[in-house]
């Protein structure tokens, strides 16, 4: 049986601005209105806005209070850290303690920012349905959501989510990673690229400067 991170549900694991910067090649962005999709407890929104980006985070968990979310962050992180010794060869990281510290730093900064700004920055959204306006955002970023959780989210869910993002995004959608929890390319990648409903789009797979999960150093870019 293939090794993998075993999760019953999508975990509340936060990533930092630095990780987003490299996993999405953000140095090629020239401003614009950015949507962080299913952003969970990542600190990207907090740090990005401090650095002059215009970012809105979106996730269904934002209908809960930061006081309700914080214990779940710790619980999910503990579950993952306990599994790491057995599956460490699937990942690239310095050591388990530094990984834990990095993830704690991300979710604690998120909690602090969420308490301060609430739904002004953190919009409750249960994908694939949103209340955002047509062409409201220039770019949408999806970190560790589609493809990664192919065992939990059907192809129809992937397709419906991307179609909704195409409605609300003017330029492009970036999805990272394109591997599943076993570190293998998701079966949905080729299905999506061959789907006739996306035939008018430019869909490419681009190498990035980030590889936490081995073989997970590519993102999908969908351009309108």
Protein backbone atom coordinates (compact mmCIF):
# COMPACT_ATOMS: atom_id res chain seq x y z
CA UNK A 1 0.00 0.00 0.00
CA UNK A 2 1.27 3.47 -0.89
CA UNK A 3 2.23 5.74 1.95
CA UNK A 4 0.17 8.86 2.39
CA UNK A 5 -0.95 11.44 4.91
CA UNK A 6 -4.14 9.99 6.35
CA UNK A 7 -6.83 12.60 6.93
CA UNK A 8 -10.54 12.02 7.49
CA UNK A 9 -11.32 15.57 6.41
CA UNK A 10 -9.55 18.56 4.88
CA UNK A 11 -7.11 19.73 7.53
CA UNK A 12 -6.76 23.28 8.88
CA UNK A 13 -3.08 23.66 8.10
CA UNK A 14 -1.70 27.14 7.52
CA UNK A 15 0.92 28.16 4.99
CA UNK A 16 2.98 31.34 5.14
CA UNK A 17 3.36 34.25 2.72
CA UNK A 18 6.83 32.96 1.79
CA UNK A 19 5.40 29.58 0.84
CA UNK A 20 2.66 31.15 -1.28
CA UNK A 21 5.20 33.43 -2.93
CA UNK A 22 7.21 30.47 -4.19
CA UNK A 23 4.43 27.94 -4.81
CA UNK A 24 2.55 30.42 -7.03
CA UNK A 25 5.51 32.32 -8.56
CA UNK A 26 4.07 35.56 -7.23
CA UNK A 27 7.04 37.62 -8.35
CA UNK A 28 5.41 37.80 -11.78
CA UNK A 29 2.30 39.55 -10.44
CA UNK A 30 1.89 43.25 -11.10
CA UNK A 31 -0.69 44.03 -8.45
CA UNK A 32 -4.38 43.37 -8.95
CA UNK A 33 -7.17 42.01 -6.82
CA UNK A 34 -6.31 38.50 -5.57
CA UNK A 35 -8.68 35.85 -4.19
CA UNK A 36 -7.24 33.17 -1.90
CA UNK A 37 -9.57 30.20 -2.38
CA UNK A 38 -10.27 27.80 0.51
CA UNK A 39 -7.49 29.61 2.32
CA UNK A 40 -8.18 28.09 5.71
CA UNK A 41 -5.76 29.26 8.39
CA UNK A 42 -2.91 30.38 6.14
CA UNK A 43 -1.28 33.71 6.95
CA UNK A 44 -0.96 34.73 3.29
CA UNK A 45 -3.87 37.17 3.40
CA UNK A 46 -2.53 38.89 6.52
CA UNK A 47 1.05 39.22 5.30
CA UNK A 48 0.18 39.99 1.69
CA UNK A 49 -2.04 42.92 2.62
CA UNK A 50 0.72 44.27 4.88
CA UNK A 51 3.09 44.12 1.90
CA UNK A 52 0.83 46.02 -0.45
CA UNK A 53 -1.05 43.23 -2.19
CA UNK A 54 -4.84 43.37 -2.28
CA UNK A 55 -5.99 39.96 -1.07
CA UNK A 56 -9.34 38.55 0.02
CA UNK A 57 -9.39 35.17 1.78
CA UNK A 58 -12.34 32.81 1.40
CA UNK A 59 -13.30 29.64 3.22
CA UNK A 60 -16.35 28.07 4.82
CA UNK A 61 -14.63 28.10 8.21
CA UNK A 62 -14.89 31.89 8.37
CA UNK A 63 -18.50 31.51 9.45
CA UNK A 64 -16.97 30.38 12.77
CA UNK A 65 -15.27 32.69 15.24
CA UNK A 66 -11.48 32.75 15.70
CA UNK A 67 -12.06 31.38 19.19
CA UNK A 68 -13.77 28.33 17.67
CA UNK A 69 -11.19 27.89 14.91
CA UNK A 70 -8.00 28.11 16.97
CA UNK A 71 -8.41 24.80 18.90
CA UNK A 72 -9.10 22.98 15.61
CA UNK A 73 -5.85 24.37 14.19
CA UNK A 74 -3.88 22.88 17.05
CA UNK A 75 -5.75 19.58 16.83
CA UNK A 76 -5.19 19.16 13.08
CA UNK A 77 -1.54 20.14 13.34
CA UNK A 78 -1.00 17.59 16.12
CA UNK A 79 -2.60 14.87 13.97
CA UNK A 80 -0.27 15.62 11.08
CA UNK A 81 2.90 16.02 13.15
CA UNK A 82 2.29 12.63 14.78
CA UNK A 83 2.21 10.98 11.35
CA UNK A 84 5.33 12.69 10.06
CA UNK A 85 7.99 10.23 11.33
CA UNK A 86 6.41 7.40 9.30
CA UNK A 87 5.89 9.40 6.09
CA UNK A 88 8.79 11.87 6.28
CA UNK A 89 10.33 10.46 3.09
CA UNK A 90 7.37 11.87 1.13
CA UNK A 91 8.31 15.44 2.08
CA UNK A 92 11.15 17.96 2.10
CA UNK A 93 11.65 19.76 5.39
CA UNK A 94 14.48 20.45 7.81
CA UNK A 95 13.07 18.66 10.84
CA UNK A 96 9.71 18.00 12.43
CA UNK A 97 10.11 20.67 15.11
CA UNK A 98 10.85 23.41 12.60
CA UNK A 99 7.90 22.27 10.49
CA UNK A 100 5.59 22.45 13.49
CA UNK A 101 6.88 25.92 14.38
CA UNK A 102 6.32 27.15 10.83
CA UNK A 103 2.73 25.88 10.76
CA UNK A 104 2.01 27.34 14.21
CA UNK A 105 3.39 30.71 13.09
CA UNK A 106 1.04 30.70 10.09
CA UNK A 107 -2.16 29.88 11.93
CA UNK A 108 -1.42 32.20 14.85
CA UNK A 109 -0.88 35.15 12.50
CA UNK A 110 -4.10 34.21 10.72
CA UNK A 111 -6.03 34.11 14.01
CA UNK A 112 -4.65 37.53 14.98
CA UNK A 113 -5.61 39.05 11.61
CA UNK A 114 -9.03 37.38 11.54
CA UNK A 115 -9.83 38.81 14.98
CA UNK A 116 -8.89 42.27 13.73
CA UNK A 117 -10.53 42.32 10.30
CA UNK A 118 -13.22 39.63 10.45
CA UNK A 119 -15.30 39.20 7.29
CA UNK A 120 -13.88 42.40 5.77
CA UNK A 121 -10.93 40.25 4.68
CA UNK A 122 -12.10 36.73 5.47
CA UNK A 123 -15.27 35.90 3.56
CA UNK A 124 -17.31 32.79 4.46
CA UNK A 125 -17.67 30.77 1.26
CA UNK A 126 -18.68 27.14 0.78
CA UNK A 127 -17.33 26.22 -2.62
CA UNK A 128 -18.31 25.70 -5.37
CA UNK A 129 -20.96 28.40 -4.75
CA UNK A 130 -20.01 32.02 -3.99
CA UNK A 131 -21.71 35.40 -3.74
CA UNK A 132 -18.81 37.20 -5.40
CA UNK A 133 -19.57 39.36 -8.42
CA UNK A 134 -18.66 38.54 -12.00
CA UNK A 135 -15.01 39.44 -12.72
CA UNK A 136 -14.55 40.68 -9.14
CA UNK A 137 -10.97 39.38 -8.93
CA UNK A 138 -8.00 39.48 -11.28
CA UNK A 139 -6.36 36.27 -10.07
CA UNK A 140 -7.52 33.34 -7.93
CA UNK A 141 -5.07 31.16 -5.98
CA UNK A 142 -5.90 27.66 -4.75
CA UNK A 143 -3.43 26.23 -2.27
CA UNK A 144 -3.66 22.58 -1.16
CA UNK A 145 -7.34 22.17 -1.99
CA UNK A 146 -8.23 20.87 -5.45
CA UNK A 147 -6.27 17.82 -6.70
CA UNK A 148 -4.61 17.21 -3.33
CA UNK A 149 -7.86 15.96 -1.79
CA UNK A 150 -9.07 13.89 -4.75
CA UNK A 151 -10.23 11.16 -2.33
CA UNK A 152 -12.55 13.63 -0.61
CA UNK A 153 -13.61 15.92 -3.48
CA UNK A 154 -15.14 14.51 -6.68
CA UNK A 155 -14.29 15.57 -10.21
CA UNK A 156 -17.68 17.26 -10.44
CA UNK A 157 -16.72 19.34 -7.41
CA UNK A 158 -13.40 20.28 -9.02
CA UNK A 159 -15.12 21.25 -12.26
CA UNK A 160 -17.90 23.23 -10.57
CA UNK A 161 -15.40 25.11 -8.43
CA UNK A 162 -13.24 26.05 -11.41
CA UNK A 163 -16.27 27.14 -13.43
CA UNK A 164 -17.32 29.42 -10.58
CA UNK A 165 -13.81 30.85 -10.33
CA UNK A 166 -13.84 31.52 -14.06
CA UNK A 167 -17.00 33.54 -13.50
CA UNK A 168 -15.49 35.74 -10.80
CA UNK A 169 -11.88 35.95 -12.10
CA UNK A 170 -10.79 38.10 -15.04
CA UNK A 171 -7.28 36.84 -15.81
CA UNK A 172 -6.14 33.51 -14.42
CA UNK A 173 -6.45 30.76 -11.83
CA UNK A 174 -3.39 29.14 -10.23
CA UNK A 175 -3.71 25.76 -8.51
CA UNK A 176 -0.98 24.20 -6.35
CA UNK A 177 -0.06 21.39 -5.99
CA UNK A 178 -1.34 19.06 -8.71
CA UNK A 179 -0.46 15.90 -6.76
CA UNK A 180 -2.66 13.97 -4.33
CA UNK A 181 -1.89 13.00 -0.74
CA UNK A 182 0.28 10.11 -2.01
CA UNK A 183 2.50 12.52 -3.90
CA UNK A 184 1.24 11.31 -7.28
CA UNK A 185 -0.27 13.48 -10.00
CA UNK A 186 -4.01 13.68 -9.42
CA UNK A 187 -6.15 11.70 -11.86
CA UNK A 188 -8.27 14.83 -12.24
CA UNK A 189 -5.48 16.85 -13.89
CA UNK A 190 -5.75 15.08 -17.25
CA UNK A 191 -9.54 14.87 -17.01
CA UNK A 192 -9.73 18.61 -16.58
CA UNK A 193 -7.28 19.35 -19.38
CA UNK A 194 -9.30 17.16 -21.78
CA UNK A 195 -12.70 18.44 -20.63
CA UNK A 196 -14.50 20.02 -23.61
CA UNK A 197 -16.06 22.65 -21.32
CA UNK A 198 -12.58 24.09 -20.78
CA UNK A 199 -11.53 23.85 -24.42
CA UNK A 200 -11.48 27.63 -24.97
CA UNK A 201 -9.04 28.19 -22.11
CA UNK A 202 -5.24 28.18 -21.97
CA UNK A 203 -4.29 25.52 -19.42
CA UNK A 204 -0.64 24.90 -18.63
CA UNK A 205 1.46 23.11 -16.01
CA UNK A 206 4.29 25.31 -14.71
CA UNK A 207 7.28 24.41 -12.56
CA UNK A 208 7.61 26.43 -9.33
CA UNK A 209 10.35 27.06 -6.78
CA UNK A 210 8.64 25.18 -3.97
CA UNK A 211 8.53 21.47 -3.20
CA UNK A 212 7.37 20.60 0.30
CA UNK A 213 5.76 17.37 -0.89
CA UNK A 214 8.15 15.45 -3.13
CA UNK A 215 7.06 15.59 -6.79
CA UNK A 216 4.80 18.50 -5.82
CA UNK A 217 6.67 21.31 -7.55
CA UNK A 218 4.18 22.19 -10.29
CA UNK A 219 1.09 24.35 -10.48
CA UNK A 220 -1.74 24.47 -12.97
CA UNK A 221 -2.39 27.85 -14.57
CA UNK A 222 -5.76 28.45 -16.25
CA UNK A 223 -5.93 31.60 -18.38
CA UNK A 224 -9.08 33.01 -19.92
